[in-house]
Amino acid sequence: IEALNYYYSNTRDKLVVMNPKGVEIKSIQIFNILGQSVYNNQILHQQSYSEYPITDLSTGTYVVNMNTESGVLNKKIIIN
């Protein structure tokens, strides 16, 4: 999982995923600060670099939950 990195690009309104070792990503979920699921994607590109459009989210702090073959990775993102 340590080779997997992702961030939100404010200029593109997309979640950018860098996966150079080809870790299998099973799902991506985004939760708002209240713990409500606001994005869920289980149809994923298994590439070293992928972008996922996220255009419906308001300004704020969110938690991205990425479920992989090696475990679960959580990271906070800020949309402004």
N, C-alpha and C. Protein backbone atom coordinates (compact mmCIF):
# COMPACT_ATOMS: atom_id res chain seq x y z
N ILE A 1 0.83 -1.20 0.00
CA ILE A 1 0.00 0.00 0.00
C ILE A 1 0.87 1.25 0.00
N GLU A 2 2.07 1.16 0.55
CA GLU A 2 2.91 2.35 0.65
C GLU A 2 3.26 2.95 -0.70
N ALA A 3 3.19 2.17 -1.79
CA ALA A 3 3.49 2.70 -3.12
C ALA A 3 2.30 3.42 -3.73
N LEU A 4 1.14 3.27 -3.14
CA LEU A 4 -0.09 3.88 -3.65
C LEU A 4 -0.23 5.29 -3.09
N ASN A 5 -0.48 6.26 -3.97
CA ASN A 5 -0.64 7.64 -3.52
C ASN A 5 -1.82 8.25 -4.27
N TYR A 6 -2.54 9.12 -3.61
CA TYR A 6 -3.64 9.81 -4.27
C TYR A 6 -3.86 11.17 -3.65
N TYR A 7 -4.42 12.08 -4.45
CA TYR A 7 -4.70 13.44 -3.99
C TYR A 7 -5.82 14.02 -4.84
N TYR A 8 -6.42 15.09 -4.35
CA TYR A 8 -7.46 15.78 -5.09
C TYR A 8 -6.84 16.95 -5.83
N SER A 9 -7.12 17.05 -7.12
CA SER A 9 -6.63 18.16 -7.94
C SER A 9 -7.73 19.19 -8.07
N ASN A 10 -7.56 20.35 -7.42
CA ASN A 10 -8.56 21.42 -7.50
C ASN A 10 -8.68 21.98 -8.91
N THR A 11 -7.59 21.98 -9.66
CA THR A 11 -7.63 22.54 -11.01
C THR A 11 -8.39 21.64 -11.98
N ARG A 12 -8.45 20.35 -11.70
CA ARG A 12 -9.13 19.41 -12.60
C ARG A 12 -10.45 18.88 -12.03
N ASP A 13 -10.73 19.14 -10.75
CA ASP A 13 -11.89 18.55 -10.07
C ASP A 13 -11.87 17.03 -10.19
N LYS A 14 -10.70 16.45 -9.95
CA LYS A 14 -10.54 15.00 -10.06
C LYS A 14 -9.70 14.46 -8.92
N LEU A 15 -9.97 13.21 -8.57
CA LEU A 15 -9.12 12.47 -7.66
C LEU A 15 -8.05 11.80 -8.51
N VAL A 16 -6.80 12.10 -8.23
CA VAL A 16 -5.67 11.56 -9.00
C VAL A 16 -5.06 10.42 -8.19
N VAL A 17 -4.93 9.25 -8.83
CA VAL A 17 -4.38 8.06 -8.17
C VAL A 17 -3.11 7.64 -8.89
N MET A 18 -2.01 7.56 -8.13
CA MET A 18 -0.74 7.07 -8.67
C MET A 18 -0.47 5.70 -8.06
N ASN A 19 -0.36 4.70 -8.92
CA ASN A 19 -0.27 3.31 -8.49
C ASN A 19 0.83 2.61 -9.28
N PRO A 20 2.10 2.99 -9.06
CA PRO A 20 3.19 2.47 -9.89
C PRO A 20 3.42 0.96 -9.77
N LYS A 21 3.02 0.36 -8.66
CA LYS A 21 3.24 -1.09 -8.49
C LYS A 21 2.03 -1.92 -8.89
N GLY A 22 0.98 -1.27 -9.38
CA GLY A 22 -0.19 -2.00 -9.85
C GLY A 22 -0.97 -2.71 -8.77
N VAL A 23 -1.06 -2.12 -7.58
CA VAL A 23 -1.86 -2.69 -6.50
C VAL A 23 -3.32 -2.73 -6.95
N GLU A 24 -4.00 -3.85 -6.72
CA GLU A 24 -5.40 -3.95 -7.12
C GLU A 24 -6.26 -3.10 -6.19
N ILE A 25 -6.95 -2.13 -6.77
CA ILE A 25 -7.85 -1.27 -6.01
C ILE A 25 -9.26 -1.81 -6.21
N LYS A 26 -9.91 -2.15 -5.10
CA LYS A 26 -11.25 -2.75 -5.18
C LYS A 26 -12.35 -1.69 -5.19
N SER A 27 -12.16 -0.61 -4.42
CA SER A 27 -13.17 0.45 -4.40
C SER A 27 -12.57 1.73 -3.84
N ILE A 28 -13.22 2.83 -4.21
CA ILE A 28 -12.88 4.15 -3.67
C ILE A 28 -14.17 4.75 -3.14
N GLN A 29 -14.15 5.18 -1.89
CA GLN A 29 -15.28 5.87 -1.30
C GLN A 29 -14.80 7.19 -0.72
N ILE A 30 -15.66 8.19 -0.77
CA ILE A 30 -15.36 9.48 -0.15
C ILE A 30 -16.48 9.79 0.83
N PHE A 31 -16.07 10.20 2.04
CA PHE A 31 -17.01 10.53 3.10
C PHE A 31 -16.86 11.99 3.48
N ASN A 32 -17.98 12.64 3.78
CA ASN A 32 -17.91 14.01 4.28
C ASN A 32 -17.57 14.00 5.77
N ILE A 33 -17.47 15.17 6.35
CA ILE A 33 -17.04 15.30 7.74
C ILE A 33 -18.05 14.67 8.71
N LEU A 34 -19.30 14.46 8.26
CA LEU A 34 -20.33 13.84 9.09
C LEU A 34 -20.32 12.32 8.96
N GLY A 35 -19.43 11.79 8.12
CA GLY A 35 -19.34 10.35 7.93
C GLY A 35 -20.28 9.80 6.87
N GLN A 36 -20.93 10.69 6.11
CA GLN A 36 -21.85 10.26 5.06
C GLN A 36 -21.07 9.98 3.78
N SER A 37 -21.40 8.88 3.12
CA SER A 37 -20.76 8.54 1.85
C SER A 37 -21.27 9.49 0.77
N VAL A 38 -20.36 10.20 0.09
CA VAL A 38 -20.74 11.15 -0.95
C VAL A 38 -20.22 10.73 -2.32
N TYR A 39 -19.40 9.68 -2.36
CA TYR A 39 -18.86 9.17 -3.63
C TYR A 39 -18.49 7.71 -3.43
N ASN A 40 -18.84 6.88 -4.41
CA ASN A 40 -18.51 5.46 -4.34
C ASN A 40 -18.23 4.97 -5.75
N ASN A 41 -17.06 4.39 -5.96
CA ASN A 41 -16.70 3.89 -7.28
C ASN A 41 -16.07 2.51 -7.13
N GLN A 42 -16.68 1.53 -7.78
CA GLN A 42 -16.13 0.18 -7.77
C GLN A 42 -15.69 -0.26 -9.16
N ILE A 43 -15.84 0.63 -10.15
CA ILE A 43 -15.37 0.36 -11.50
C ILE A 43 -14.10 1.18 -11.68
N LEU A 44 -12.97 0.54 -11.47
CA LEU A 44 -11.71 1.28 -11.38
C LEU A 44 -10.74 0.89 -12.48
N HIS A 45 -9.91 1.86 -12.84
CA HIS A 45 -8.85 1.64 -13.81
C HIS A 45 -7.63 1.11 -13.04
N GLN A 46 -7.14 -0.05 -13.41
CA GLN A 46 -5.98 -0.63 -12.73
C GLN A 46 -4.72 -0.23 -13.50
N GLN A 47 -4.42 1.07 -13.47
CA GLN A 47 -3.27 1.60 -14.18
C GLN A 47 -2.34 2.29 -13.20
N SER A 48 -1.15 2.64 -13.68
CA SER A 48 -0.20 3.32 -12.79
C SER A 48 -0.62 4.76 -12.50
N TYR A 49 -1.44 5.35 -13.38
CA TYR A 49 -1.93 6.71 -13.18
C TYR A 49 -3.39 6.76 -13.64
N SER A 50 -4.28 7.20 -12.76
CA SER A 50 -5.70 7.29 -13.11
C SER A 50 -6.28 8.57 -12.52
N GLU A 51 -7.32 9.07 -13.18
CA GLU A 51 -8.05 10.24 -12.68
C GLU A 51 -9.53 9.89 -12.63
N TYR A 52 -10.18 10.29 -11.54
CA TYR A 52 -11.61 10.04 -11.35
C TYR A 52 -12.31 11.38 -11.13
N PRO A 53 -13.25 11.76 -12.03
CA PRO A 53 -13.94 13.04 -11.88
C PRO A 53 -14.78 13.09 -10.60
N ILE A 54 -14.61 14.16 -9.86
CA ILE A 54 -15.39 14.39 -8.64
C ILE A 54 -15.84 15.84 -8.70
N THR A 55 -17.00 16.06 -9.29
CA THR A 55 -17.44 17.43 -9.55
C THR A 55 -18.59 17.88 -8.65
N ASP A 56 -19.22 16.98 -7.93
CA ASP A 56 -20.43 17.31 -7.17
C ASP A 56 -20.17 17.67 -5.71
N LEU A 57 -18.92 17.74 -5.29
CA LEU A 57 -18.63 17.97 -3.87
C LEU A 57 -18.44 19.45 -3.57
N SER A 58 -19.02 19.87 -2.46
CA SER A 58 -18.87 21.25 -2.00
C SER A 58 -17.51 21.46 -1.37
N THR A 59 -17.15 22.71 -1.18
CA THR A 59 -15.92 23.05 -0.47
C THR A 59 -15.95 22.43 0.92
N GLY A 60 -14.83 21.83 1.32
CA GLY A 60 -14.77 21.24 2.65
C GLY A 60 -13.73 20.15 2.76
N THR A 61 -13.74 19.48 3.89
CA THR A 61 -12.80 18.40 4.18
C THR A 61 -13.52 17.07 4.03
N TYR A 62 -12.85 16.12 3.39
CA TYR A 62 -13.41 14.80 3.13
C TYR A 62 -12.38 13.74 3.46
N VAL A 63 -12.84 12.51 3.65
CA VAL A 63 -11.95 11.37 3.85
C VAL A 63 -12.13 10.42 2.68
N VAL A 64 -11.01 10.09 2.02
CA VAL A 64 -11.02 9.13 0.93
C VAL A 64 -10.63 7.77 1.51
N ASN A 65 -11.47 6.78 1.27
CA ASN A 65 -11.25 5.41 1.73
C ASN A 65 -10.98 4.57 0.49
N MET A 66 -9.77 4.04 0.39
CA MET A 66 -9.41 3.22 -0.75
C MET A 66 -9.19 1.79 -0.27
N ASN A 67 -10.02 0.87 -0.77
CA ASN A 67 -9.95 -0.54 -0.39
C ASN A 67 -9.11 -1.25 -1.45
N THR A 68 -7.99 -1.86 -1.03
CA THR A 68 -7.09 -2.53 -1.96
C THR A 68 -6.90 -3.99 -1.55
N GLU A 69 -6.21 -4.73 -2.41
CA GLU A 69 -5.91 -6.12 -2.11
C GLU A 69 -5.02 -6.26 -0.88
N SER A 70 -4.30 -5.19 -0.53
CA SER A 70 -3.36 -5.23 0.60
C SER A 70 -3.92 -4.63 1.88
N GLY A 71 -5.12 -4.05 1.81
CA GLY A 71 -5.71 -3.43 2.98
C GLY A 71 -6.44 -2.16 2.62
N VAL A 72 -6.79 -1.40 3.63
CA VAL A 72 -7.56 -0.17 3.45
C VAL A 72 -6.66 1.03 3.73
N LEU A 73 -6.77 2.03 2.88
CA LEU A 73 -5.98 3.25 3.02
C LEU A 73 -6.95 4.42 3.16
N ASN A 74 -6.78 5.25 4.19
CA ASN A 74 -7.62 6.42 4.41
C ASN A 74 -6.76 7.66 4.37
N LYS A 75 -7.27 8.69 3.70
CA LYS A 75 -6.53 9.95 3.62
C LYS A 75 -7.53 11.10 3.56
N LYS A 76 -7.18 12.19 4.24
CA LYS A 76 -8.02 13.38 4.24
C LYS A 76 -7.68 14.22 3.01
N ILE A 77 -8.72 14.76 2.35
CA ILE A 77 -8.51 15.70 1.26
C ILE A 77 -9.32 16.96 1.55
N ILE A 78 -8.87 18.07 0.99
CA ILE A 78 -9.56 19.34 1.15
C ILE A 78 -9.95 19.85 -0.23
N ILE A 79 -11.22 20.17 -0.39
CA ILE A 79 -11.72 20.73 -1.64
C ILE A 79 -12.02 22.20 -1.38
N ASN A 80 -11.39 23.06 -2.18
CA ASN A 80 -11.63 24.50 -2.02
C ASN A 80 -11.84 25.19 -3.33
